[in-house]
Protein backbone atom coordinates (compact mmCIF):
# COMPACT_ATOMS: atom_id res chain seq x y z
CA UNK A 1 -0.38 -0.22 0.03
CA UNK A 2 1.02 3.29 -0.37
CA UNK A 3 0.72 6.45 1.90
CA UNK A 4 2.55 10.06 1.56
CA UNK A 5 2.22 12.48 4.90
CA UNK A 6 0.57 15.42 3.51
CA UNK A 7 0.26 18.93 5.10
CA UNK A 8 -3.38 19.82 5.38
CA UNK A 9 -4.03 22.66 6.81
CA UNK A 10 -1.60 25.30 9.24
CA UNK A 11 -2.48 23.28 11.90
CA UNK A 12 -2.25 19.32 10.83
CA UNK A 13 -0.71 17.00 9.31
CA UNK A 14 -2.62 13.87 7.12
CA UNK A 15 -1.92 10.50 5.38
CA UNK A 16 -2.77 9.14 1.97
CA UNK A 17 -3.76 6.97 1.07
CA UNK A 18 -3.15 5.72 -3.04
CA UNK A 19 -5.99 4.25 -4.57
CA UNK A 20 -5.46 2.16 -7.52
CA UNK A 21 -7.46 2.19 -10.15
CA UNK A 22 -8.91 -0.11 -13.07
CA UNK A 23 -10.80 -2.98 -12.01
CA UNK A 24 -14.49 -2.45 -12.10
CA UNK A 25 -16.96 -1.10 -9.04
CA UNK A 26 -18.74 -3.30 -7.33
CA UNK A 27 -21.33 -2.26 -5.24
CA UNK A 28 -22.78 1.28 -5.18
CA UNK A 29 -23.75 3.75 -6.62
CA UNK A 30 -20.93 3.84 -9.40
CA UNK A 31 -20.41 -0.20 -9.54
CA UNK A 32 -19.74 -1.09 -13.59
CA UNK A 33 -17.55 1.88 -13.37
CA UNK A 34 -14.18 1.70 -13.70
CA UNK A 35 -12.34 2.78 -10.19
CA UNK A 36 -9.86 5.61 -10.97
CA UNK A 37 -5.55 5.77 -9.38
CA UNK A 38 -5.71 8.40 -6.78
CA UNK A 39 -5.35 9.69 -3.89
CA UNK A 40 -7.71 9.46 -1.13
CA UNK A 41 -9.63 11.87 1.27
CA UNK A 42 -7.32 11.40 4.72
CA UNK A 43 -8.97 9.54 7.13
CA UNK A 44 -6.57 11.17 10.43
CA UNK A 45 -5.79 14.12 10.89
CA UNK A 46 -1.86 14.38 13.51
CA UNK A 47 -1.37 18.11 15.38
CA UNK A 48 2.21 17.15 14.94
CA UNK A 49 4.43 15.37 11.73
CA UNK A 50 6.41 13.66 14.57
CA UNK A 51 2.52 12.07 15.65
CA UNK A 52 2.04 10.96 11.69
CA UNK A 53 5.10 9.84 10.98
CA UNK A 54 4.86 7.63 13.65
CA UNK A 55 1.09 6.30 12.73
CA UNK A 56 2.64 5.69 9.07
CA UNK A 57 5.24 3.55 10.29
CA UNK A 58 2.84 1.38 12.32
CA UNK A 59 0.05 0.92 9.11
CA UNK A 60 3.30 0.10 6.89
CA UNK A 61 3.56 -2.55 10.43
CA UNK A 62 0.21 -3.61 9.62
CA UNK A 63 0.43 -4.13 6.61
CA UNK A 64 3.97 -6.28 6.64
CA UNK A 65 1.79 -9.12 8.80
CA UNK A 66 -1.16 -8.99 6.59
CA UNK A 67 -2.31 -11.70 5.57
CA UNK A 68 -0.93 -13.86 8.02
CA UNK A 69 -2.58 -15.05 11.30
CA UNK A 70 0.77 -14.31 13.22
CA UNK A 71 4.80 -13.37 12.74
CA UNK A 72 7.09 -14.69 14.85
CA UNK A 73 9.89 -12.97 16.23
CA UNK A 74 11.95 -12.17 13.72
CA UNK A 75 9.88 -11.12 11.02
CA UNK A 76 8.35 -8.93 13.86
CA UNK A 77 11.27 -6.87 14.42
CA UNK A 78 12.77 -6.95 10.64
CA UNK A 79 8.37 -5.20 9.40
CA UNK A 80 9.81 -2.83 12.53
CA UNK A 81 12.75 -1.92 10.67
CA UNK A 82 11.94 -1.38 7.46
CA UNK A 83 9.29 1.00 8.32
CA UNK A 84 11.23 2.87 10.41
CA UNK A 85 13.75 3.16 8.01
CA UNK A 86 10.87 3.38 5.33
CA UNK A 87 9.02 6.63 7.29
CA UNK A 88 12.85 7.81 8.19
CA UNK A 89 13.40 8.21 5.19
CA UNK A 90 9.83 9.75 3.56
CA UNK A 91 9.99 12.46 6.68
CA UNK A 92 13.16 13.58 5.07
CA UNK A 93 12.74 13.65 1.52
CA UNK A 94 9.63 15.56 2.55
CA UNK A 95 11.52 17.78 4.15
CA UNK A 96 13.75 18.08 0.91
CA UNK A 97 11.26 18.81 -1.35
CA UNK A 98 9.45 21.35 0.66
CA UNK A 99 9.71 25.35 0.87
CA UNK A 100 10.26 27.57 3.77
CA UNK A 101 6.69 27.84 4.68
CA UNK A 102 7.34 24.13 6.46
CA UNK A 103 9.62 24.55 7.89
CA UNK A 104 8.14 28.04 9.36
CA UNK A 105 5.28 25.90 9.83
CA UNK A 106 6.81 23.13 12.50
CA UNK A 107 8.82 25.84 13.83
CA UNK A 108 5.17 27.81 14.99
CA UNK A 109 3.94 24.68 16.23
CA UNK A 110 6.85 24.66 18.98
CA UNK A 111 5.96 27.77 19.83
CA UNK A 112 8.39 30.21 17.72
CA UNK A 113 7.19 33.50 16.73
CA UNK A 114 8.48 33.52 13.06
CA UNK A 115 8.13 36.96 11.32
CA UNK A 116 7.85 37.50 7.75
CA UNK A 117 10.23 40.40 8.22
CA UNK A 118 7.61 42.95 7.94
CA UNK A 119 8.06 45.15 10.92
CA UNK A 120 11.60 46.62 10.24
CA UNK A 121 13.68 43.22 9.24
CA UNK A 122 14.89 42.56 5.76
CA UNK A 123 15.88 39.28 6.35
CA UNK A 124 15.91 36.54 9.26
CA UNK A 125 20.58 36.82 9.49
CA UNK A 126 21.57 39.16 11.86
CA UNK A 127 24.37 41.96 10.66
CA UNK A 128 28.03 41.32 12.48
CA UNK A 129 29.32 44.02 12.39
CA UNK A 130 25.66 45.72 13.91
CA UNK A 131 24.67 49.21 12.74
CA UNK A 132 25.48 52.42 13.03
CA UNK A 133 29.35 50.65 14.30
CA UNK A 134 31.46 52.26 11.32
CA UNK A 135 35.16 51.40 11.07
CA UNK A 136 37.49 54.60 9.81
């Protein structure tokens, strides 16, 4: 099963599952039509990226156990290690692909105040020499 973590809104993260297409819908309003391949609507929302990553890892472990009555100890260890690795790589790629607004959102959810620089500051970097200290 393919999943991704998205920023649902300014306060929430969510996990989306990918629905493969091509098969025919059996029941309901759209019975007989071909299922489309798309990302489903999120079913749960999380206040922190960490919470979403932990739940994504738990779902990956659950997928590894799907179809089997019980996992052996070694199979469980391997499933947990693979889930941790896959989740860590995904979250890392999420950070690499995002713009500054994601990082600002993470800082804000940790309690930091981040401004746009419109109140007298022109950048987030402090001037090293400071203003008014001319040498000469």
